[in-house]
Amino acid sequence: MLAWTKEFVGLDIGTRIAARVEGKSSLARLGLGVHVTAPTIHAGFTGQIQLEMVNHGGVPIRLKSGMRICQLIFETTLGTPERGYQGQFSGQTAASKSKGPLKKKRKAA
């Protein structure tokens, strides 16, 4: 399931701050995985964070709007990047379709 954080995040590149999205342990013990595949929020990122969630448990989990299901762990990077995150999800405020890693079909010889 895809979901969005309520908060808009802006990690200024000059501060050398990056973040990781981590789920709350109380929900993880029920089986909820939050932001499973790519938890790093790079320095220079701005936008809302899209959460890639899955219920690994045996019972349904009811989530409500505004419920605290994850947290950001802030980290200082070792150096100052020459440029901030400029990937396909920069500035996102709505669902974005991934552009990769789709493989192109080979032409028949």
PDB file of N, CA and C in Angstrom:
ATOM      1  N   MET A   1       0.846  -1.158   0.000  1.00  0.00           N
ATOM      2  CA  MET A   1       0.000   0.000   0.000  1.00  0.00           C
ATOM      3  C   MET A   1       0.897   1.228   0.000  1.00  0.00           C
ATOM      4  N   LEU A   2       0.512   2.243  -0.746  1.00  0.00           N
ATOM      5  CA  LEU A   2       1.246   3.501  -0.759  1.00  0.00           C
ATOM      6  C   LEU A   2       0.505   4.530   0.075  1.00  0.00           C
ATOM      7  N   ALA A   3       1.254   5.313   0.824  1.00  0.00           N
ATOM      8  CA  ALA A   3       0.686   6.374   1.643  1.00  0.00           C
ATOM      9  C   ALA A   3       1.662   7.538   1.658  1.00  0.00           C
ATOM     10  N   TRP A   4       1.225   8.668   2.190  1.00  0.00           N
ATOM     11  CA  TRP A   4       2.032   9.870   2.249  1.00  0.00           C
ATOM     12  C   TRP A   4       2.122  10.391   3.666  1.00  0.00           C
ATOM     13  N   THR A   5       3.277  10.967   3.996  1.00  0.00           N
ATOM     14  CA  THR A   5       3.364  11.669   5.262  1.00  0.00           C
ATOM     15  C   THR A   5       2.546  12.943   5.168  1.00  0.00           C
ATOM     16  N   LYS A   6       2.024  13.362   6.282  1.00  0.00           N
ATOM     17  CA  LYS A   6       1.270  14.610   6.349  1.00  0.00           C
ATOM     18  C   LYS A   6       2.222  15.800   6.200  1.00  0.00           C
ATOM     19  N   GLU A   7       3.431  15.622   6.717  1.00  0.00           N
ATOM     20  CA  GLU A   7       4.415  16.697   6.752  1.00  0.00           C
ATOM     21  C   GLU A   7       5.129  16.866   5.419  1.00  0.00           C
ATOM     22  N   PHE A   8       5.498  18.082   5.124  1.00  0.00           N
ATOM     23  CA  PHE A   8       6.348  18.421   3.988  1.00  0.00           C
ATOM     24  C   PHE A   8       7.765  18.561   4.530  1.00  0.00           C
ATOM     25  N   VAL A   9       8.711  17.834   3.950  1.00  0.00           N
ATOM     26  CA  VAL A   9      10.089  17.809   4.441  1.00  0.00           C
ATOM     27  C   VAL A   9      10.977  18.624   3.514  1.00  0.00           C
ATOM     28  N   GLY A  10      11.844  19.424   4.104  1.00  0.00           N
ATOM     29  CA  GLY A  10      12.831  20.180   3.342  1.00  0.00           C
ATOM     30  C   GLY A  10      14.174  20.060   4.033  1.00  0.00           C
ATOM     31  N   LEU A  11      15.088  19.305   3.443  1.00  0.00           N
ATOM     32  CA  LEU A  11      16.419  19.119   4.022  1.00  0.00           C
ATOM     33  C   LEU A  11      17.408  19.967   3.228  1.00  0.00           C
ATOM     34  N   ASP A  12      17.705  21.141   3.733  1.00  0.00           N
ATOM     35  CA  ASP A  12      18.603  22.077   3.061  1.00  0.00           C
ATOM     36  C   ASP A  12      19.970  21.441   2.850  1.00  0.00           C
ATOM     37  N   ILE A  13      20.479  21.532   1.646  1.00  0.00           N
ATOM     38  CA  ILE A  13      21.753  20.885   1.310  1.00  0.00           C
ATOM     39  C   ILE A  13      22.918  21.436   2.127  1.00  0.00           C
ATOM     40  N   GLY A  14      22.888  22.712   2.464  1.00  0.00           N
ATOM     41  CA  GLY A  14      23.989  23.323   3.187  1.00  0.00           C
ATOM     42  C   GLY A  14      24.134  22.860   4.626  1.00  0.00           C
ATOM     43  N   THR A  15      23.097  22.232   5.177  1.00  0.00           N
ATOM     44  CA  THR A  15      23.155  21.786   6.571  1.00  0.00           C
ATOM     45  C   THR A  15      23.785  20.422   6.737  1.00  0.00           C
ATOM     46  N   ARG A  16      24.010  19.709   5.629  1.00  0.00           N
ATOM     47  CA  ARG A  16      24.572  18.351   5.654  1.00  0.00           C
ATOM     48  C   ARG A  16      23.690  17.378   6.444  1.00  0.00           C
ATOM     49  N   ILE A  17      22.387  17.586   6.427  1.00  0.00           N
ATOM     50  CA  ILE A  17      21.456  16.720   7.143  1.00  0.00           C
ATOM     51  C   ILE A  17      20.722  15.822   6.147  1.00  0.00           C
ATOM     52  N   ALA A  18      20.700  14.539   6.450  1.00  0.00           N
ATOM     53  CA  ALA A  18      19.890  13.559   5.729  1.00  0.00           C
ATOM     54  C   ALA A  18      19.002  12.886   6.776  1.00  0.00           C
ATOM     55  N   ALA A  19      18.124  12.005   6.353  1.00  0.00           N
ATOM     56  CA  ALA A  19      17.234  11.344   7.312  1.00  0.00           C
ATOM     57  C   ALA A  19      16.917   9.934   6.849  1.00  0.00           C
ATOM     58  N   ARG A  20      16.437   9.124   7.788  1.00  0.00           N
ATOM     59  CA  ARG A  20      15.919   7.788   7.500  1.00  0.00           C
ATOM     60  C   ARG A  20      14.499   7.710   8.044  1.00  0.00           C
ATOM     61  N   VAL A  21      13.633   7.042   7.307  1.00  0.00           N
ATOM     62  CA  VAL A  21      12.266   6.806   7.765  1.00  0.00           C
ATOM     63  C   VAL A  21      12.244   5.458   8.474  1.00  0.00           C
ATOM     64  N   GLU A  22      11.772   5.457   9.696  1.00  0.00           N
ATOM     65  CA  GLU A  22      11.672   4.228  10.479  1.00  0.00           C
ATOM     66  C   GLU A  22      10.244   4.072  10.987  1.00  0.00           C
ATOM     67  N   GLY A  23       9.749   2.847  10.985  1.00  0.00           N
ATOM     68  CA  GLY A  23       8.426   2.574  11.523  1.00  0.00           C
ATOM     69  C   GLY A  23       8.428   2.599  13.043  1.00  0.00           C
ATOM     70  N   LYS A  24       7.256   2.698  13.614  1.00  0.00           N
ATOM     71  CA  LYS A  24       7.106   2.657  15.067  1.00  0.00           C
ATOM     72  C   LYS A  24       7.107   1.188  15.504  1.00  0.00           C
ATOM     73  N   SER A  25       7.839   0.888  16.576  1.00  0.00           N
ATOM     74  CA  SER A  25       7.991  -0.507  17.005  1.00  0.00           C
ATOM     75  C   SER A  25       6.668  -1.137  17.437  1.00  0.00           C
ATOM     76  N   SER A  26       5.768  -0.347  18.012  1.00  0.00           N
ATOM     77  CA  SER A  26       4.482  -0.917  18.450  1.00  0.00           C
ATOM     78  C   SER A  26       3.685  -1.458  17.263  1.00  0.00           C
ATOM     79  N   LEU A  27       3.743  -0.772  16.120  1.00  0.00           N
ATOM     80  CA  LEU A  27       3.048  -1.255  14.925  1.00  0.00           C
ATOM     81  C   LEU A  27       3.848  -2.344  14.214  1.00  0.00           C
ATOM     82  N   ALA A  28       5.168  -2.261  14.296  1.00  0.00           N
ATOM     83  CA  ALA A  28       6.009  -3.302  13.687  1.00  0.00           C
ATOM     84  C   ALA A  28       5.752  -4.654  14.356  1.00  0.00           C
ATOM     85  N   ARG A  29       5.486  -4.652  15.636  1.00  0.00           N
ATOM     86  CA  ARG A  29       5.206  -5.901  16.352  1.00  0.00           C
ATOM     87  C   ARG A  29       3.879  -6.523  15.937  1.00  0.00           C
ATOM     88  N   LEU A  30       3.020  -5.708  15.315  1.00  0.00           N
ATOM     89  CA  LEU A  30       1.775  -6.234  14.744  1.00  0.00           C
ATOM     90  C   LEU A  30       1.979  -6.703  13.306  1.00  0.00           C
ATOM     91  N   GLY A  31       3.142  -6.359  12.723  1.00  0.00           N
ATOM     92  CA  GLY A  31       3.458  -6.793  11.366  1.00  0.00           C
ATOM     93  C   GLY A  31       3.549  -5.676  10.345  1.00  0.00           C
ATOM     94  N   LEU A  32       3.383  -4.411  10.760  1.00  0.00           N
ATOM     95  CA  LEU A  32       3.399  -3.313   9.792  1.00  0.00           C
ATOM     96  C   LEU A  32       4.824  -2.916   9.432  1.00  0.00           C
ATOM     97  N   GLY A  33       5.136  -3.000   8.151  1.00  0.00           N
ATOM     98  CA  GLY A  33       6.403  -2.514   7.625  1.00  0.00           C
ATOM     99  C   GLY A  33       6.152  -1.176   6.946  1.00  0.00           C
ATOM    100  N   VAL A  34       6.930  -0.168   7.324  1.00  0.00           N
ATOM    101  CA  VAL A  34       6.742   1.182   6.792  1.00  0.00           C
ATOM    102  C   VAL A  34       7.979   1.574   5.992  1.00  0.00           C
ATOM    103  N   HIS A  35       7.800   2.050   4.806  1.00  0.00           N
ATOM    104  CA  HIS A  35       8.887   2.505   3.930  1.00  0.00           C
ATOM    105  C   HIS A  35       9.941   1.405   3.804  1.00  0.00           C
ATOM    106  N   VAL A  36       9.507   0.295   3.283  1.00  0.00           N
ATOM    107  CA  VAL A  36      10.258  -0.949   3.306  1.00  0.00           C
ATOM    108  C   VAL A  36      11.512  -0.940   2.427  1.00  0.00           C
ATOM    109  N   THR A  37      11.473  -0.333   1.257  1.00  0.00           N
ATOM    110  CA  THR A  37      12.564  -0.528   0.306  1.00  0.00           C
ATOM    111  C   THR A  37      13.617   0.571   0.255  1.00  0.00           C
ATOM    112  N   ALA A  38      13.259   1.799   0.572  1.00  0.00           N
ATOM    113  CA  ALA A  38      14.212   2.904   0.399  1.00  0.00           C
ATOM    114  C   ALA A  38      14.028   3.937   1.506  1.00  0.00           C
ATOM    115  N   PRO A  39      14.570   3.681   2.688  1.00  0.00           N
ATOM    116  CA  PRO A  39      14.302   4.564   3.824  1.00  0.00           C
ATOM    117  C   PRO A  39      15.105   5.856   3.854  1.00  0.00           C
ATOM    118  N   THR A  40      16.096   6.030   2.984  1.00  0.00           N
ATOM    119  CA  THR A  40      16.966   7.204   3.053  1.00  0.00           C
ATOM    120  C   THR A  40      16.322   8.419   2.392  1.00  0.00           C
ATOM    121  N   ILE A  41      16.337   9.537   3.107  1.00  0.00           N
ATOM    122  CA  ILE A  41      15.900  10.823   2.568  1.00  0.00           C
ATOM    123  C   ILE A  41      17.177  11.655   2.437  1.00  0.00           C
ATOM    124  N   HIS A  42      17.608  11.921   1.229  1.00  0.00           N
ATOM    125  CA  HIS A  42      18.902  12.542   0.969  1.00  0.00           C
ATOM    126  C   HIS A  42      18.905  14.034   1.269  1.00  0.00           C
ATOM    127  N   ALA A  43      20.093  14.535   1.603  1.00  0.00           N
ATOM    128  CA  ALA A  43      20.280  15.978   1.767  1.00  0.00           C
ATOM    129  C   ALA A  43      19.846  16.675   0.482  1.00  0.00           C
ATOM    130  N   GLY A  44      19.103  17.750   0.620  1.00  0.00           N
ATOM    131  CA  GLY A  44      18.602  18.479  -0.540  1.00  0.00           C
ATOM    132  C   GLY A  44      17.204  18.068  -0.965  1.00  0.00           C
ATOM    133  N   PHE A  45      16.635  17.017  -0.352  1.00  0.00           N
ATOM    134  CA  PHE A  45      15.282  16.564  -0.709  1.00  0.00           C
ATOM    135  C   PHE A  45      14.247  17.556  -0.177  1.00  0.00           C
ATOM    136  N   THR A  46      13.244  17.837  -0.980  1.00  0.00           N
ATOM    137  CA  THR A  46      12.071  18.583  -0.526  1.00  0.00           C
ATOM    138  C   THR A  46      10.840  17.868  -1.034  1.00  0.00           C
ATOM    139  N   GLY A  47       9.818  17.803  -0.222  1.00  0.00           N
ATOM    140  CA  GLY A  47       8.558  17.181  -0.623  1.00  0.00           C
ATOM    141  C   GLY A  47       7.964  16.360   0.497  1.00  0.00           C
ATOM    142  N   GLN A  48       6.874  15.695   0.185  1.00  0.00           N
ATOM    143  CA  GLN A  48       6.265  14.764   1.123  1.00  0.00           C
ATOM    144  C   GLN A  48       6.880  13.393   0.877  1.00  0.00           C
ATOM    145  N   ILE A  49       6.986  12.608   1.918  1.00  0.00           N
ATOM    146  CA  ILE A  49       7.610  11.294   1.809  1.00  0.00           C
ATOM    147  C   ILE A  49       6.539  10.251   1.498  1.00  0.00           C
ATOM    148  N   GLN A  50       6.754   9.522   0.415  1.00  0.00           N
ATOM    149  CA  GLN A  50       5.842   8.443   0.064  1.00  0.00           C
ATOM    150  C   GLN A  50       6.258   7.209   0.838  1.00  0.00           C
ATOM    151  N   LEU A  51       5.305   6.585   1.512  1.00  0.00           N
ATOM    152  CA  LEU A  51       5.565   5.399   2.315  1.00  0.00           C
ATOM    153  C   LEU A  51       5.114   4.161   1.550  1.00  0.00           C
ATOM    154  N   GLU A  52       5.982   3.175   1.506  1.00  0.00           N
ATOM    155  CA  GLU A  52       5.679   1.895   0.857  1.00  0.00           C
ATOM    156  C   GLU A  52       5.424   0.906   1.981  1.00  0.00           C
ATOM    157  N   MET A  53       4.160   0.682   2.310  1.00  0.00           N
ATOM    158  CA  MET A  53       3.807  -0.088   3.504  1.00  0.00           C
ATOM    159  C   MET A  53       3.274  -1.472   3.146  1.00  0.00           C
ATOM    160  N   VAL A  54       3.495  -2.401   4.103  1.00  0.00           N
ATOM    161  CA  VAL A  54       2.992  -3.757   3.941  1.00  0.00           C
ATOM    162  C   VAL A  54       2.654  -4.319   5.321  1.00  0.00           C
ATOM    163  N   ASN A  55       1.595  -5.112   5.375  1.00  0.00           N
ATOM    164  CA  ASN A  55       1.219  -5.790   6.613  1.00  0.00           C
ATOM    165  C   ASN A  55       1.695  -7.231   6.521  1.00  0.00           C
ATOM    166  N   HIS A  56       2.737  -7.553   7.298  1.00  0.00           N
ATOM    167  CA  HIS A  56       3.279  -8.906   7.333  1.00  0.00           C
ATOM    168  C   HIS A  56       2.564  -9.777   8.364  1.00  0.00           C
ATOM    169  N   GLY A  57       1.672  -9.168   9.140  1.00  0.00           N
ATOM    170  CA  GLY A  57       0.992  -9.887  10.209  1.00  0.00           C
ATOM    171  C   GLY A  57      -0.185 -10.697   9.715  1.00  0.00           C
ATOM    172  N   GLY A  58      -0.766 -11.440  10.633  1.00  0.00           N
ATOM    173  CA  GLY A  58      -1.877 -12.311  10.286  1.00  0.00           C
ATOM    174  C   GLY A  58      -3.247 -11.678  10.438  1.00  0.00           C
ATOM    175  N   VAL A  59      -3.308 -10.451  10.964  1.00  0.00           N
ATOM    176  CA  VAL A  59      -4.596  -9.776  11.163  1.00  0.00           C
ATOM    177  C   VAL A  59      -4.544  -8.387  10.531  1.00  0.00           C
ATOM    178  N   PRO A  60      -5.689  -7.871  10.107  1.00  0.00           N
ATOM    179  CA  PRO A  60      -5.723  -6.518   9.536  1.00  0.00           C
ATOM    180  C   PRO A  60      -5.313  -5.472  10.578  1.00  0.00           C
ATOM    181  N   ILE A  61      -4.675  -4.407  10.120  1.00  0.00           N
ATOM    182  CA  ILE A  61      -4.300  -3.282  10.974  1.00  0.00           C
ATOM    183  C   ILE A  61      -5.046  -2.060  10.448  1.00  0.00           C
ATOM    184  N   ARG A  62      -5.823  -1.421  11.300  1.00  0.00           N
ATOM    185  CA  ARG A  62      -6.576  -0.246  10.880  1.00  0.00           C
ATOM    186  C   ARG A  62      -5.754   1.002  11.184  1.00  0.00           C
ATOM    187  N   LEU A  63      -5.411   1.732  10.136  1.00  0.00           N
ATOM    188  CA  LEU A  63      -4.675   2.981  10.287  1.00  0.00           C
ATOM    189  C   LEU A  63      -5.638   4.145  10.086  1.00  0.00           C
ATOM    190  N   LYS A  64      -5.461   5.178  10.875  1.00  0.00           N
ATOM    191  CA  LYS A  64      -6.332   6.347  10.792  1.00  0.00           C
ATOM    192  C   LYS A  64      -5.518   7.562  10.388  1.00  0.00           C
ATOM    193  N   SER A  65      -6.152   8.501   9.718  1.00  0.00           N
ATOM    194  CA  SER A  65      -5.498   9.741   9.321  1.00  0.00           C
ATOM    195  C   SER A  65      -4.926  10.450  10.547  1.00  0.00           C
ATOM    196  N   GLY A  66      -3.700  10.887  10.446  1.00  0.00           N
ATOM    197  CA  GLY A  66      -3.051  11.578  11.553  1.00  0.00           C
ATOM    198  C   GLY A  66      -2.358  10.666  12.551  1.00  0.00           C
ATOM    199  N   MET A  67      -2.513   9.367  12.381  1.00  0.00           N
ATOM    200  CA  MET A  67      -1.890   8.402  13.289  1.00  0.00           C
ATOM    201  C   MET A  67      -0.379   8.404  13.097  1.00  0.00           C
ATOM    202  N   ARG A  68       0.364   8.356  14.192  1.00  0.00           N
ATOM    203  CA  ARG A  68       1.822   8.342  14.120  1.00  0.00           C
ATOM    204  C   ARG A  68       2.301   6.917  13.840  1.00  0.00           C
ATOM    205  N   ILE A  69       2.729   6.699  12.583  1.00  0.00           N
ATOM    206  CA  ILE A  69       3.133   5.352  12.175  1.00  0.00           C
ATOM    207  C   ILE A  69       4.616   5.258  11.847  1.00  0.00           C
ATOM    208  N   CYS A  70       5.285   6.406  11.739  1.00  0.00           N
ATOM    209  CA  CYS A  70       6.705   6.398  11.427  1.00  0.00           C
ATOM    210  C   CYS A  70       7.391   7.598  12.055  1.00  0.00           C
ATOM    211  N   GLN A  71       8.703   7.590  11.957  1.00  0.00           N
ATOM    212  CA  GLN A  71       9.501   8.683  12.508  1.00  0.00           C
ATOM    213  C   GLN A  71      10.708   8.909  11.616  1.00  0.00           C
ATOM    214  N   LEU A  72      11.247  10.119  11.655  1.00  0.00           N
ATOM    215  CA  LEU A  72      12.463  10.426  10.914  1.00  0.00           C
ATOM    216  C   LEU A  72      13.641  10.420  11.876  1.00  0.00           C
ATOM    217  N   ILE A  73      14.688   9.743  11.493  1.00  0.00           N
ATOM    218  CA  ILE A  73      15.942   9.736  12.235  1.00  0.00           C
ATOM    219  C   ILE A  73      16.908  10.604  11.423  1.00  0.00           C
ATOM    220  N   PHE A  74      17.316  11.730  11.992  1.00  0.00           N
ATOM    221  CA  PHE A  74      18.195  12.654  11.275  1.00  0.00           C
ATOM    222  C   PHE A  74      19.653  12.270  11.472  1.00  0.00           C
ATOM    223  N   GLU A  75      20.440  12.428  10.393  1.00  0.00           N
ATOM    224  CA  GLU A  75      21.852  12.070  10.405  1.00  0.00           C
ATOM    225  C   GLU A  75      22.652  13.180   9.736  1.00  0.00           C
ATOM    226  N   THR A  76      23.850  13.411  10.230  1.00  0.00           N
ATOM    227  CA  THR A  76      24.754  14.368   9.601  1.00  0.00           C
ATOM    228  C   THR A  76      25.614  13.626   8.593  1.00  0.00           C
ATOM    229  N   THR A  77      25.671  14.144   7.383  1.00  0.00           N
ATOM    230  CA  THR A  77      26.516  13.525   6.364  1.00  0.00           C
ATOM    231  C   THR A  77      27.981  13.933   6.587  1.00  0.00           C
ATOM    232  N   LEU A  78      28.899  13.164   6.064  1.00  0.00           N
ATOM    233  CA  LEU A  78      30.320  13.428   6.292  1.00  0.00           C
ATOM    234  C   LEU A  78      30.844  14.632   5.516  1.00  0.00           C
ATOM    235  N   GLY A  79      30.301  14.904   4.388  1.00  0.00           N
ATOM    236  CA  GLY A  79      30.760  16.032   3.583  1.00  0.00           C
ATOM    237  C   GLY A  79      29.573  16.829   3.083  1.00  0.00           C
ATOM    238  N   THR A  80      29.844  17.967   2.522  1.00  0.00           N
ATOM    239  CA  THR A  80      28.778  18.777   1.938  1.00  0.00           C
ATOM    240  C   THR A  80      28.644  18.391   0.470  1.00  0.00           C
ATOM    241  N   PRO A  81      27.478  17.909   0.075  1.00  0.00           N
ATOM    242  CA  PRO A  81      27.296  17.516  -1.326  1.00  0.00           C
ATOM    243  C   PRO A  81      27.423  18.725  -2.259  1.00  0.00           C
ATOM    244  N   GLU A  82      27.910  18.491  -3.462  1.00  0.00           N
ATOM    245  CA  GLU A  82      28.001  19.568  -4.445  1.00  0.00           C
ATOM    246  C   GLU A  82      26.616  20.007  -4.898  1.00  0.00           C
ATOM    247  N   ARG A  83      25.691  19.070  -4.887  1.00  0.00           N
ATOM    248  CA  ARG A  83      24.293  19.384  -5.233  1.00  0.00           C
ATOM    249  C   ARG A  83      23.398  18.456  -4.429  1.00  0.00           C
ATOM    250  N   GLY A  84      22.201  18.891  -4.188  1.00  0.00           N
ATOM    251  CA  GLY A  84      21.249  18.099  -3.417  1.00  0.00           C
ATOM    252  C   GLY A  84      20.552  17.069  -4.267  1.00  0.00           C
ATOM    253  N   TYR A  85      19.651  16.350  -3.641  1.00  0.00           N
ATOM    254  CA  TYR A  85      18.867  15.327  -4.343  1.00  0.00           C
ATOM    255  C   TYR A  85      18.084  15.988  -5.463  1.00  0.00           C
ATOM    256  N   GLN A  86      18.250  15.493  -6.676  1.00  0.00           N
ATOM    257  CA  GLN A  86      17.547  16.026  -7.837  1.00  0.00           C
ATOM    258  C   GLN A  86      16.876  14.907  -8.623  1.00  0.00           C
ATOM    259  N   GLY A  87      16.550  13.813  -7.934  1.00  0.00           N
ATOM    260  CA  GLY A  87      15.954  12.662  -8.588  1.00  0.00           C
ATOM    261  C   GLY A  87      14.505  12.885  -8.980  1.00  0.00           C
ATOM    262  N   GLN A  88      13.906  11.860  -9.505  1.00  0.00           N
ATOM    263  CA  GLN A  88      12.553  11.949 -10.058  1.00  0.00           C
ATOM    264  C   GLN A  88      11.484  12.247  -9.023  1.00  0.00           C
ATOM    265  N   PHE A  89      11.783  12.074  -7.724  1.00  0.00           N
ATOM    266  CA  PHE A  89      10.770  12.303  -6.704  1.00  0.00           C
ATOM    267  C   PHE A  89      10.954  13.626  -5.967  1.00  0.00           C
ATOM    268  N   SER A  90      11.903  14.447  -6.393  1.00  0.00           N
ATOM    269  CA  SER A  90      12.154  15.735  -5.751  1.00  0.00           C
ATOM    270  C   SER A  90      10.931  16.637  -5.887  1.00  0.00           C
ATOM    271  N   GLY A  91      10.508  17.236  -4.779  1.00  0.00           N
ATOM    272  CA  GLY A  91       9.381  18.151  -4.780  1.00  0.00           C
ATOM    273  C   GLY A  91       8.026  17.484  -4.864  1.00  0.00           C
ATOM    274  N   GLN A  92       7.961  16.186  -4.683  1.00  0.00           N
ATOM    275  CA  GLN A  92       6.694  15.475  -4.847  1.00  0.00           C
ATOM    276  C   GLN A  92       5.669  15.872  -3.790  1.00  0.00           C
ATOM    277  N   THR A  93       4.444  15.979  -4.214  1.00  0.00           N
ATOM    278  CA  THR A  93       3.325  16.223  -3.304  1.00  0.00           C
ATOM    279  C   THR A  93       2.145  15.320  -3.648  1.00  0.00           C
ATOM    280  N   ALA A  94       2.344  14.456  -4.601  1.00  0.00           N
ATOM    281  CA  ALA A  94       1.311  13.491  -4.998  1.00  0.00           C
ATOM    282  C   ALA A  94       2.012  12.246  -5.508  1.00  0.00           C
ATOM    283  N   ALA A  95       1.248  11.199  -5.712  1.00  0.00           N
ATOM    284  CA  ALA A  95       1.825   9.937  -6.150  1.00  0.00           C
ATOM    285  C   ALA A  95       2.610  10.124  -7.443  1.00  0.00           C
ATOM    286  N   SER A  96       3.796   9.546  -7.477  1.00  0.00           N
ATOM    287  CA  SER A  96       4.661   9.619  -8.652  1.00  0.00           C
ATOM    288  C   SER A  96       4.975   8.212  -9.116  1.00  0.00           C
ATOM    289  N   LYS A  97       4.796   7.956 -10.387  1.00  0.00           N
ATOM    290  CA  LYS A  97       5.123   6.656 -10.942  1.00  0.00           C
ATOM    291  C   LYS A  97       6.635   6.565 -11.129  1.00  0.00           C
ATOM    292  N   SER A  98       7.206   5.457 -10.733  1.00  0.00           N
ATOM    293  CA  SER A  98       8.633   5.244 -10.889  1.00  0.00           C
ATOM    294  C   SER A  98       8.992   5.115 -12.359  1.00  0.00           C
ATOM    295  N   LYS A  99      10.135   5.679 -12.733  1.00  0.00           N
ATOM    296  CA  LYS A  99      10.612   5.582 -14.115  1.00  0.00           C
ATOM    297  C   LYS A  99      11.612   4.453 -14.290  1.00  0.00           C
ATOM    298  N   GLY A 100      11.921   3.743 -13.274  1.00  0.00           N
ATOM    299  CA  GLY A 100      12.923   2.692 -13.384  1.00  0.00           C
ATOM    300  C   GLY A 100      12.642   1.642 -12.351  1.00  0.00           C
ATOM    301  N   PRO A 101      13.206   0.541 -12.379  1.00  0.00           N
ATOM    302  CA  PRO A 101      14.170   0.044 -13.364  1.00  0.00           C
ATOM    303  C   PRO A 101      13.501  -0.765 -14.461  1.00  0.00           C
ATOM    304  N   LEU A 102      12.694  -0.114 -15.262  1.00  0.00           N
ATOM    305  CA  LEU A 102      12.024  -0.818 -16.357  1.00  0.00           C
ATOM    306  C   LEU A 102      13.036  -1.174 -17.432  1.00  0.00           C
ATOM    307  N   LYS A 103      12.970  -2.402 -17.894  1.00  0.00           N
ATOM    308  CA  LYS A 103      13.897  -2.870 -18.919  1.00  0.00           C
ATOM    309  C   LYS A 103      13.261  -2.680 -20.290  1.00  0.00           C
ATOM    310  N   LYS A 104      14.071  -2.212 -21.206  1.00  0.00           N
ATOM    311  CA  LYS A 104      13.597  -2.066 -22.576  1.00  0.00           C
ATOM    312  C   LYS A 104      13.637  -3.419 -23.262  1.00  0.00           C
ATOM    313  N   LYS A 105      12.651  -3.666 -24.088  1.00  0.00           N
ATOM    314  CA  LYS A 105      12.601  -4.923 -24.829  1.00  0.00           C
ATOM    315  C   LYS A 105      13.631  -4.892 -25.956  1.00  0.00           C
ATOM    316  N   ARG A 106      14.296  -6.002 -26.127  1.00  0.00           N
ATOM    317  CA  ARG A 106      15.252  -6.120 -27.219  1.00  0.00           C
ATOM    318  C   ARG A 106      14.537  -6.364 -28.528  1.00  0.00           C
ATOM    319  N   LYS A 107      15.088  -5.780 -29.573  1.00  0.00           N
ATOM    320  CA  LYS A 107      14.522  -6.023 -30.902  1.00  0.00           C
ATOM    321  C   LYS A 107      14.980  -7.385 -31.398  1.00  0.00           C
ATOM    322  N   ALA A 108      14.097  -8.082 -32.059  1.00  0.00           N
ATOM    323  CA  ALA A 108      14.427  -9.392 -32.626  1.00  0.00           C
ATOM    324  C   ALA A 108      15.405  -9.216 -33.771  1.00  0.00           C
ATOM    325  N   ALA A 109      16.361 -10.136 -33.854  1.00  0.00           N
ATOM    326  CA  ALA A 109      17.381 -10.052 -34.931  1.00  0.00           C
ATOM    327  C   ALA A 109      16.882 -10.625 -36.220  1.00  0.00           C
TER     328      ALA A 109
END
